[in-house]
Amino acid sequence: RESLYKSLSGERVPDFSTVLKVMKSLGLKLHSGVA
């Protein structure tokens, strides 16, 4: 929990892999498409 807080605290930009792991744990999916 502490490392998650540090990753998302805004002091630095989190790695994309960290963002994906958080999204997966919350049951969220990232979709991309052509604008």
PDB file of N, CA and C in Angstrom:
ATOM      1  N   ARG A   1       0.826  -1.189   0.000  1.00  0.00           N
ATOM      2  CA  ARG A   1       0.000   0.000   0.000  1.00  0.00           C
ATOM      3  C   ARG A   1       0.872   1.255   0.000  1.00  0.00           C
ATOM      4  N   GLU A   2       1.922   1.245   0.774  1.00  0.00           N
ATOM      5  CA  GLU A   2       2.798   2.419   0.846  1.00  0.00           C
ATOM      6  C   GLU A   2       3.465   2.698  -0.498  1.00  0.00           C
ATOM      7  N   SER A   3       3.921   1.650  -1.176  1.00  0.00           N
ATOM      8  CA  SER A   3       4.573   1.849  -2.476  1.00  0.00           C
ATOM      9  C   SER A   3       3.578   2.354  -3.513  1.00  0.00           C
ATOM     10  N   LEU A   4       2.328   1.911  -3.424  1.00  0.00           N
ATOM     11  CA  LEU A   4       1.292   2.406  -4.333  1.00  0.00           C
ATOM     12  C   LEU A   4       1.063   3.893  -4.091  1.00  0.00           C
ATOM     13  N   TYR A   5       0.993   4.290  -2.834  1.00  0.00           N
ATOM     14  CA  TYR A   5       0.811   5.702  -2.494  1.00  0.00           C
ATOM     15  C   TYR A   5       1.961   6.540  -3.052  1.00  0.00           C
ATOM     16  N   LYS A   6       3.194   6.058  -2.883  1.00  0.00           N
ATOM     17  CA  LYS A   6       4.356   6.785  -3.393  1.00  0.00           C
ATOM     18  C   LYS A   6       4.318   6.888  -4.910  1.00  0.00           C
ATOM     19  N   SER A   7       3.894   5.805  -5.573  1.00  0.00           N
ATOM     20  CA  SER A   7       3.847   5.789  -7.035  1.00  0.00           C
ATOM     21  C   SER A   7       2.845   6.793  -7.584  1.00  0.00           C
ATOM     22  N   LEU A   8       1.738   6.974  -6.874  1.00  0.00           N
ATOM     23  CA  LEU A   8       0.660   7.821  -7.379  1.00  0.00           C
ATOM     24  C   LEU A   8       0.550   9.154  -6.648  1.00  0.00           C
ATOM     25  N   SER A   9       1.551   9.515  -5.868  1.00  0.00           N
ATOM     26  CA  SER A   9       1.479  10.725  -5.045  1.00  0.00           C
ATOM     27  C   SER A   9       1.612  12.016  -5.846  1.00  0.00           C
ATOM     28  N   GLY A  10       2.118  11.939  -7.070  1.00  0.00           N
ATOM     29  CA  GLY A  10       2.299  13.138  -7.871  1.00  0.00           C
ATOM     30  C   GLY A  10       3.698  13.705  -7.802  1.00  0.00           C
ATOM     31  N   GLU A  11       4.552  13.119  -6.972  1.00  0.00           N
ATOM     32  CA  GLU A  11       5.931  13.598  -6.876  1.00  0.00           C
ATOM     33  C   GLU A  11       6.740  13.213  -8.109  1.00  0.00           C
ATOM     34  N   ARG A  12       6.319  12.133  -8.762  1.00  0.00           N
ATOM     35  CA  ARG A  12       6.981  11.716  -9.995  1.00  0.00           C
ATOM     36  C   ARG A  12       5.940  11.049 -10.877  1.00  0.00           C
ATOM     37  N   VAL A  13       6.275  10.897 -12.147  1.00  0.00           N
ATOM     38  CA  VAL A  13       5.359  10.262 -13.089  1.00  0.00           C
ATOM     39  C   VAL A  13       5.472   8.749 -12.926  1.00  0.00           C
ATOM     40  N   PRO A  14       4.350   8.069 -12.662  1.00  0.00           N
ATOM     41  CA  PRO A  14       4.408   6.611 -12.490  1.00  0.00           C
ATOM     42  C   PRO A  14       4.697   5.910 -13.812  1.00  0.00           C
ATOM     43  N   ASP A  15       5.353   4.762 -13.737  1.00  0.00           N
ATOM     44  CA  ASP A  15       5.595   3.960 -14.932  1.00  0.00           C
ATOM     45  C   ASP A  15       4.259   3.520 -15.506  1.00  0.00           C
ATOM     46  N   PHE A  16       4.218   3.357 -16.828  1.00  0.00           N
ATOM     47  CA  PHE A  16       2.988   2.912 -17.476  1.00  0.00           C
ATOM     48  C   PHE A  16       2.580   1.542 -16.962  1.00  0.00           C
ATOM     49  N   SER A  17       3.558   0.689 -16.689  1.00  0.00           N
ATOM     50  CA  SER A  17       3.243  -0.650 -16.171  1.00  0.00           C
ATOM     51  C   SER A  17       2.567  -0.564 -14.800  1.00  0.00           C
ATOM     52  N   THR A  18       2.959   0.412 -13.986  1.00  0.00           N
ATOM     53  CA  THR A  18       2.321   0.606 -12.682  1.00  0.00           C
ATOM     54  C   THR A  18       0.865   1.015 -12.859  1.00  0.00           C
ATOM     55  N   VAL A  19       0.619   1.925 -13.792  1.00  0.00           N
ATOM     56  CA  VAL A  19      -0.747   2.370 -14.065  1.00  0.00           C
ATOM     57  C   VAL A  19      -1.598   1.193 -14.530  1.00  0.00           C
ATOM     58  N   LEU A  20      -1.050   0.363 -15.417  1.00  0.00           N
ATOM     59  CA  LEU A  20      -1.792  -0.796 -15.910  1.00  0.00           C
ATOM     60  C   LEU A  20      -2.096  -1.784 -14.790  1.00  0.00           C
ATOM     61  N   LYS A  21      -1.150  -2.002 -13.891  1.00  0.00           N
ATOM     62  CA  LYS A  21      -1.375  -2.916 -12.768  1.00  0.00           C
ATOM     63  C   LYS A  21      -2.477  -2.401 -11.850  1.00  0.00           C
ATOM     64  N   VAL A  22      -2.482  -1.100 -11.583  1.00  0.00           N
ATOM     65  CA  VAL A  22      -3.522  -0.513 -10.737  1.00  0.00           C
ATOM     66  C   VAL A  22      -4.878  -0.650 -11.417  1.00  0.00           C
ATOM     67  N   MET A  23      -4.924  -0.352 -12.716  1.00  0.00           N
ATOM     68  CA  MET A  23      -6.176  -0.473 -13.455  1.00  0.00           C
ATOM     69  C   MET A  23      -6.692  -1.904 -13.437  1.00  0.00           C
ATOM     70  N   LYS A  24      -5.790  -2.860 -13.627  1.00  0.00           N
ATOM     71  CA  LYS A  24      -6.197  -4.269 -13.628  1.00  0.00           C
ATOM     72  C   LYS A  24      -6.749  -4.673 -12.265  1.00  0.00           C
ATOM     73  N   SER A  25      -6.105  -4.223 -11.203  1.00  0.00           N
ATOM     74  CA  SER A  25      -6.568  -4.580  -9.862  1.00  0.00           C
ATOM     75  C   SER A  25      -7.932  -3.968  -9.549  1.00  0.00           C
ATOM     76  N   LEU A  26      -8.263  -2.856 -10.209  1.00  0.00           N
ATOM     77  CA  LEU A  26      -9.560  -2.212 -10.013  1.00  0.00           C
ATOM     78  C   LEU A  26     -10.616  -2.723 -10.992  1.00  0.00           C
ATOM     79  N   GLY A  27     -10.202  -3.610 -11.895  1.00  0.00           N
ATOM     80  CA  GLY A  27     -11.138  -4.151 -12.876  1.00  0.00           C
ATOM     81  C   GLY A  27     -11.392  -3.226 -14.052  1.00  0.00           C
ATOM     82  N   LEU A  28     -10.460  -2.303 -14.301  1.00  0.00           N
ATOM     83  CA  LEU A  28     -10.601  -1.363 -15.406  1.00  0.00           C
ATOM     84  C   LEU A  28      -9.803  -1.833 -16.608  1.00  0.00           C
ATOM     85  N   LYS A  29     -10.247  -1.426 -17.805  1.00  0.00           N
ATOM     86  CA  LYS A  29      -9.542  -1.770 -19.035  1.00  0.00           C
ATOM     87  C   LYS A  29      -9.244  -0.492 -19.801  1.00  0.00           C
ATOM     88  N   LEU A  30      -8.123  -0.487 -20.495  1.00  0.00           N
ATOM     89  CA  LEU A  30      -7.714   0.648 -21.311  1.00  0.00           C
ATOM     90  C   LEU A  30      -7.944   0.292 -22.774  1.00  0.00           C
ATOM     91  N   HIS A  31      -8.712   1.122 -23.459  1.00  0.00           N
ATOM     92  CA  HIS A  31      -8.989   0.902 -24.876  1.00  0.00           C
ATOM     93  C   HIS A  31      -8.451   2.086 -25.661  1.00  0.00           C
ATOM     94  N   SER A  32      -7.934   1.810 -26.843  1.00  0.00           N
ATOM     95  CA  SER A  32      -7.468   2.888 -27.708  1.00  0.00           C
ATOM     96  C   SER A  32      -8.173   2.771 -29.057  1.00  0.00           C
ATOM     97  N   GLY A  33      -8.226   3.877 -29.751  1.00  0.00           N
ATOM     98  CA  GLY A  33      -8.869   3.891 -31.059  1.00  0.00           C
ATOM     99  C   GLY A  33      -8.413   5.105 -31.845  1.00  0.00           C
ATOM    100  N   VAL A  34      -8.841   5.145 -33.081  1.00  0.00           N
ATOM    101  CA  VAL A  34      -8.490   6.248 -33.959  1.00  0.00           C
ATOM    102  C   VAL A  34      -9.447   7.403 -33.701  1.00  0.00           C
ATOM    103  N   ALA A  35      -8.886   8.585 -33.586  1.00  0.00           N
ATOM    104  CA  ALA A  35      -9.720   9.769 -33.318  1.00  0.00           C
ATOM    105  C   ALA A  35     -10.374  10.277 -34.582  1.00  0.00           C
TER     106      ALA A  35
END
